[in-house]
């Protein structure tokens, strides 16, 4: 089992933070530190098809719930998951809206 580790504004899995096999990167918004931007989700080919991106997103949403944060979806994967799955509505700052994919994804 791949252990997911939190380090600052990143949940990652793999041998090291410097060379992760997968990660979800987030940061607080400038105007509201209680809202986190899900900036990018990346999973290397060897972990694809194993639900790793969803596991990383679930770590981020658990962290948000435990700390009373909301999440603003910016990366394409989180936009899609938030639009398709209402179980994230409690942390989705745009719950009830059809979130448009801004076409922005940061690369680590």
N, C-alpha and C. Protein backbone atom coordinates (compact mmCIF):
# COMPACT_ATOMS: atom_id res chain seq x y z
N UNK A 1 0.85 -1.19 0.00
CA UNK A 1 0.00 0.00 0.00
C UNK A 1 0.89 1.25 0.00
N UNK A 2 0.54 2.20 -0.82
CA UNK A 2 1.28 3.45 -0.91
C UNK A 2 0.79 4.41 0.17
N UNK A 3 1.70 4.86 1.01
CA UNK A 3 1.36 5.78 2.08
C UNK A 3 1.34 7.21 1.55
N UNK A 4 0.27 7.93 1.87
CA UNK A 4 0.15 9.33 1.46
C UNK A 4 0.68 10.20 2.60
N UNK A 5 1.54 11.14 2.25
CA UNK A 5 2.20 12.00 3.22
C UNK A 5 1.79 13.44 2.94
N UNK A 6 1.57 14.22 4.01
CA UNK A 6 1.32 15.65 3.86
C UNK A 6 2.59 16.40 4.21
N UNK A 7 2.94 17.35 3.37
CA UNK A 7 4.10 18.21 3.60
C UNK A 7 3.75 19.60 3.11
N UNK A 8 3.52 20.51 4.04
CA UNK A 8 3.10 21.87 3.74
C UNK A 8 1.84 21.85 2.87
N UNK A 9 1.91 22.37 1.66
CA UNK A 9 0.72 22.46 0.80
C UNK A 9 0.70 21.37 -0.26
N UNK A 10 1.02 20.16 0.17
CA UNK A 10 1.14 19.05 -0.77
C UNK A 10 0.83 17.74 -0.05
N UNK A 11 0.00 16.92 -0.67
CA UNK A 11 -0.13 15.52 -0.28
C UNK A 11 0.56 14.74 -1.38
N UNK A 12 1.46 13.85 -1.01
CA UNK A 12 2.22 13.12 -2.02
C UNK A 12 2.37 11.66 -1.63
N UNK A 13 2.68 10.85 -2.64
CA UNK A 13 2.94 9.43 -2.45
C UNK A 13 4.16 9.08 -3.30
N UNK A 14 4.99 8.18 -2.80
CA UNK A 14 6.17 7.77 -3.55
C UNK A 14 7.38 7.69 -2.64
N UNK A 15 8.54 7.63 -3.25
CA UNK A 15 9.77 7.48 -2.48
C UNK A 15 10.20 8.77 -1.79
N UNK A 16 9.93 9.92 -2.40
CA UNK A 16 10.34 11.19 -1.79
C UNK A 16 9.47 12.33 -2.31
N UNK A 17 9.42 13.40 -1.53
CA UNK A 17 8.69 14.60 -1.94
C UNK A 17 9.30 15.19 -3.21
N UNK A 18 10.61 15.06 -3.35
CA UNK A 18 11.31 15.63 -4.50
C UNK A 18 11.00 14.87 -5.79
N UNK A 19 10.63 13.61 -5.67
CA UNK A 19 10.31 12.80 -6.84
C UNK A 19 9.10 11.92 -6.54
N UNK A 20 7.92 12.55 -6.35
CA UNK A 20 6.74 11.78 -5.97
C UNK A 20 6.18 10.98 -7.15
N UNK A 21 5.51 9.88 -6.82
CA UNK A 21 4.79 9.12 -7.84
C UNK A 21 3.43 9.73 -8.12
N UNK A 22 2.95 10.50 -7.16
CA UNK A 22 1.68 11.21 -7.33
C UNK A 22 1.57 12.29 -6.27
N UNK A 23 0.82 13.34 -6.59
CA UNK A 23 0.61 14.40 -5.60
C UNK A 23 -0.62 15.22 -5.94
N UNK A 24 -1.13 15.89 -4.90
CA UNK A 24 -2.14 16.92 -5.09
C UNK A 24 -1.59 18.16 -4.37
N UNK A 25 -1.52 19.25 -5.09
CA UNK A 25 -0.95 20.49 -4.58
C UNK A 25 -2.08 21.47 -4.30
N UNK A 26 -1.98 22.16 -3.16
CA UNK A 26 -3.02 23.13 -2.79
C UNK A 26 -2.36 24.33 -2.12
N UNK A 27 -3.13 25.41 -2.04
CA UNK A 27 -2.65 26.62 -1.35
C UNK A 27 -3.86 27.43 -0.92
N UNK A 28 -3.73 28.25 0.12
CA UNK A 28 -4.84 29.10 0.51
C UNK A 28 -5.05 30.21 -0.53
N UNK A 29 -6.30 30.64 -0.67
CA UNK A 29 -6.56 31.77 -1.57
C UNK A 29 -6.00 33.03 -0.93
N UNK A 30 -5.71 34.01 -1.76
CA UNK A 30 -5.15 35.26 -1.25
C UNK A 30 -6.15 36.05 -0.44
N UNK A 31 -7.43 36.03 -0.84
CA UNK A 31 -8.43 36.85 -0.16
C UNK A 31 -9.12 36.15 1.00
N UNK A 32 -9.00 34.81 1.10
CA UNK A 32 -9.66 34.09 2.18
C UNK A 32 -8.83 32.85 2.54
N UNK A 33 -8.06 32.92 3.63
CA UNK A 33 -7.21 31.79 3.99
C UNK A 33 -7.97 30.54 4.41
N UNK A 34 -9.29 30.63 4.56
CA UNK A 34 -10.10 29.45 4.90
C UNK A 34 -10.54 28.69 3.65
N UNK A 35 -10.16 29.19 2.48
CA UNK A 35 -10.46 28.51 1.22
C UNK A 35 -9.14 28.07 0.59
N UNK A 36 -9.04 26.78 0.31
CA UNK A 36 -7.85 26.22 -0.32
C UNK A 36 -8.09 26.03 -1.81
N UNK A 37 -7.14 26.39 -2.62
CA UNK A 37 -7.22 26.14 -4.06
C UNK A 37 -6.55 24.79 -4.34
N UNK A 38 -7.30 23.87 -4.93
CA UNK A 38 -6.73 22.61 -5.39
C UNK A 38 -6.09 22.91 -6.74
N UNK A 39 -4.77 23.11 -6.73
CA UNK A 39 -4.06 23.66 -7.88
C UNK A 39 -3.66 22.63 -8.92
N UNK A 40 -3.26 21.44 -8.48
CA UNK A 40 -2.86 20.43 -9.46
C UNK A 40 -2.88 19.04 -8.83
N UNK A 41 -3.19 18.07 -9.67
CA UNK A 41 -3.17 16.66 -9.29
C UNK A 41 -2.39 15.92 -10.37
N UNK A 42 -1.35 15.21 -9.96
CA UNK A 42 -0.51 14.49 -10.91
C UNK A 42 -0.26 13.08 -10.38
N UNK A 43 -0.43 12.09 -11.25
CA UNK A 43 -0.12 10.70 -10.91
C UNK A 43 0.71 10.12 -12.05
N UNK A 44 1.85 9.55 -11.72
CA UNK A 44 2.71 8.94 -12.74
C UNK A 44 2.05 7.67 -13.29
N UNK A 45 2.42 7.29 -14.50
CA UNK A 45 1.80 6.14 -15.16
C UNK A 45 1.75 4.86 -14.33
N UNK A 46 2.78 4.59 -13.53
CA UNK A 46 2.80 3.33 -12.78
C UNK A 46 1.71 3.23 -11.71
N UNK A 47 1.10 4.36 -11.33
CA UNK A 47 0.02 4.34 -10.34
C UNK A 47 -1.35 4.62 -10.95
N UNK A 48 -1.40 4.92 -12.23
CA UNK A 48 -2.69 5.22 -12.86
C UNK A 48 -3.56 3.98 -12.91
N UNK A 49 -4.86 4.20 -12.83
CA UNK A 49 -5.82 3.10 -12.87
C UNK A 49 -5.99 2.41 -11.52
N UNK A 50 -5.37 2.93 -10.48
CA UNK A 50 -5.47 2.35 -9.14
C UNK A 50 -6.24 3.25 -8.18
N UNK A 51 -6.84 4.32 -8.71
CA UNK A 51 -7.60 5.23 -7.87
C UNK A 51 -6.74 6.17 -7.03
N UNK A 52 -5.47 6.33 -7.40
CA UNK A 52 -4.57 7.15 -6.59
C UNK A 52 -4.96 8.62 -6.60
N UNK A 53 -5.38 9.17 -7.72
CA UNK A 53 -5.78 10.58 -7.76
C UNK A 53 -6.95 10.81 -6.80
N UNK A 54 -7.90 9.89 -6.79
CA UNK A 54 -9.04 10.02 -5.88
C UNK A 54 -8.60 9.89 -4.42
N UNK A 55 -7.66 9.00 -4.14
CA UNK A 55 -7.14 8.87 -2.77
C UNK A 55 -6.46 10.16 -2.33
N UNK A 56 -5.70 10.77 -3.22
CA UNK A 56 -5.06 12.04 -2.90
C UNK A 56 -6.10 13.13 -2.65
N UNK A 57 -7.12 13.19 -3.50
CA UNK A 57 -8.20 14.17 -3.31
C UNK A 57 -8.91 13.91 -1.99
N UNK A 58 -9.15 12.65 -1.64
CA UNK A 58 -9.82 12.34 -0.38
C UNK A 58 -8.97 12.75 0.82
N UNK A 59 -7.65 12.65 0.71
CA UNK A 59 -6.78 13.14 1.79
C UNK A 59 -6.93 14.65 1.94
N UNK A 60 -6.97 15.36 0.81
CA UNK A 60 -7.15 16.81 0.87
C UNK A 60 -8.51 17.17 1.45
N UNK A 61 -9.56 16.48 1.04
CA UNK A 61 -10.89 16.81 1.57
C UNK A 61 -11.00 16.46 3.05
N UNK A 62 -10.37 15.39 3.49
CA UNK A 62 -10.36 15.06 4.93
C UNK A 62 -9.64 16.15 5.71
N UNK A 63 -8.52 16.60 5.19
CA UNK A 63 -7.77 17.69 5.82
C UNK A 63 -8.63 18.95 5.89
N UNK A 64 -9.34 19.25 4.82
CA UNK A 64 -10.21 20.43 4.80
C UNK A 64 -11.33 20.29 5.84
N UNK A 65 -11.95 19.14 5.90
CA UNK A 65 -13.04 18.92 6.87
C UNK A 65 -12.53 19.07 8.31
N UNK A 66 -11.40 18.47 8.60
CA UNK A 66 -10.84 18.51 9.96
C UNK A 66 -10.45 19.92 10.38
N UNK A 67 -10.15 20.78 9.43
CA UNK A 67 -9.67 22.13 9.73
C UNK A 67 -10.65 23.22 9.31
N UNK A 68 -11.88 22.84 8.98
CA UNK A 68 -12.94 23.79 8.59
C UNK A 68 -12.55 24.66 7.41
N UNK A 69 -11.89 24.05 6.41
CA UNK A 69 -11.57 24.73 5.17
C UNK A 69 -12.60 24.36 4.11
N UNK A 70 -12.70 25.20 3.11
CA UNK A 70 -13.42 24.89 1.87
C UNK A 70 -12.36 24.75 0.78
N UNK A 71 -12.76 24.13 -0.32
CA UNK A 71 -11.83 23.92 -1.43
C UNK A 71 -12.39 24.53 -2.70
N UNK A 72 -11.56 25.28 -3.39
CA UNK A 72 -11.88 25.83 -4.71
C UNK A 72 -11.15 24.97 -5.74
N UNK A 73 -11.92 24.33 -6.61
CA UNK A 73 -11.32 23.46 -7.64
C UNK A 73 -10.71 24.31 -8.74
N UNK A 74 -9.44 24.09 -8.99
CA UNK A 74 -8.77 24.77 -10.10
C UNK A 74 -8.25 23.76 -11.12
N UNK A 75 -7.72 22.64 -10.67
CA UNK A 75 -7.19 21.67 -11.63
C UNK A 75 -8.33 20.84 -12.22
N UNK A 76 -8.12 20.38 -13.42
CA UNK A 76 -9.16 19.67 -14.19
C UNK A 76 -9.72 18.47 -13.46
N UNK A 77 -8.87 17.69 -12.79
CA UNK A 77 -9.33 16.48 -12.11
C UNK A 77 -10.31 16.83 -10.99
N UNK A 78 -9.96 17.81 -10.16
CA UNK A 78 -10.82 18.18 -9.03
C UNK A 78 -12.10 18.83 -9.54
N UNK A 79 -12.03 19.63 -10.59
CA UNK A 79 -13.24 20.20 -11.20
C UNK A 79 -14.19 19.08 -11.59
N UNK A 80 -13.68 18.08 -12.29
CA UNK A 80 -14.52 16.96 -12.74
C UNK A 80 -15.12 16.20 -11.56
N UNK A 81 -14.31 15.88 -10.55
CA UNK A 81 -14.80 15.14 -9.40
C UNK A 81 -15.86 15.93 -8.64
N UNK A 82 -15.64 17.23 -8.45
CA UNK A 82 -16.61 18.05 -7.73
C UNK A 82 -17.92 18.16 -8.51
N UNK A 83 -17.85 18.22 -9.84
CA UNK A 83 -19.06 18.28 -10.65
C UNK A 83 -19.82 16.96 -10.64
N UNK A 84 -19.12 15.83 -10.58
CA UNK A 84 -19.74 14.51 -10.68
C UNK A 84 -20.20 13.93 -9.35
N UNK A 85 -19.59 14.32 -8.25
CA UNK A 85 -19.80 13.63 -6.98
C UNK A 85 -20.19 14.62 -5.88
N UNK A 86 -21.46 14.58 -5.48
CA UNK A 86 -21.93 15.55 -4.48
C UNK A 86 -21.46 15.22 -3.06
N UNK A 87 -20.73 14.13 -2.87
CA UNK A 87 -20.20 13.84 -1.53
C UNK A 87 -19.12 14.85 -1.12
N UNK A 88 -18.66 15.63 -2.07
CA UNK A 88 -17.67 16.67 -1.77
C UNK A 88 -18.32 18.03 -1.51
N UNK A 89 -19.64 18.11 -1.60
CA UNK A 89 -20.32 19.41 -1.50
C UNK A 89 -20.02 20.16 -0.21
N UNK A 90 -19.81 19.44 0.89
CA UNK A 90 -19.55 20.13 2.16
C UNK A 90 -18.23 20.89 2.18
N UNK A 91 -17.29 20.51 1.33
CA UNK A 91 -16.01 21.24 1.26
C UNK A 91 -15.86 22.04 -0.03
N UNK A 92 -16.73 21.82 -0.98
CA UNK A 92 -16.67 22.51 -2.27
C UNK A 92 -17.23 23.91 -2.13
N UNK A 93 -16.38 24.92 -2.24
CA UNK A 93 -16.82 26.30 -2.09
C UNK A 93 -17.85 26.69 -3.16
N UNK A 94 -17.85 25.97 -4.28
CA UNK A 94 -18.78 26.24 -5.37
C UNK A 94 -19.88 25.18 -5.47
N UNK A 95 -20.22 24.53 -4.36
CA UNK A 95 -21.24 23.47 -4.36
C UNK A 95 -22.54 23.99 -4.95
N UNK A 96 -23.17 23.15 -5.77
CA UNK A 96 -24.44 23.51 -6.40
C UNK A 96 -24.27 24.24 -7.71
N UNK A 97 -23.06 24.60 -8.06
CA UNK A 97 -22.78 25.28 -9.32
C UNK A 97 -22.12 24.29 -10.26
N UNK A 98 -22.29 24.51 -11.55
CA UNK A 98 -21.56 23.72 -12.54
C UNK A 98 -20.21 24.41 -12.72
N UNK A 99 -19.18 23.83 -12.15
CA UNK A 99 -17.86 24.45 -12.19
C UNK A 99 -17.27 24.27 -13.58
N UNK A 100 -16.85 25.36 -14.17
CA UNK A 100 -16.20 25.30 -15.47
C UNK A 100 -14.71 25.06 -15.28
N UNK A 101 -14.16 24.19 -16.09
CA UNK A 101 -12.72 23.91 -16.02
C UNK A 101 -11.98 25.14 -16.52
N UNK A 102 -11.21 25.79 -15.64
CA UNK A 102 -10.49 26.99 -16.07
C UNK A 102 -9.33 26.70 -17.00
N UNK A 103 -9.03 25.42 -17.19
CA UNK A 103 -7.92 25.07 -18.07
C UNK A 103 -6.57 25.41 -17.48
N UNK A 104 -6.54 25.55 -16.16
CA UNK A 104 -5.30 25.91 -15.48
C UNK A 104 -4.86 24.72 -14.64
N UNK A 105 -3.64 24.36 -14.77
CA UNK A 105 -3.06 23.34 -13.89
C UNK A 105 -1.61 23.71 -13.68
N UNK A 106 -1.23 23.87 -12.43
CA UNK A 106 0.16 24.17 -12.14
C UNK A 106 0.97 22.89 -12.23
N UNK A 107 2.18 23.01 -12.66
CA UNK A 107 3.09 21.87 -12.73
C UNK A 107 4.16 22.07 -11.67
N UNK A 108 4.38 21.04 -10.88
CA UNK A 108 5.38 21.11 -9.82
C UNK A 108 6.76 20.90 -10.40
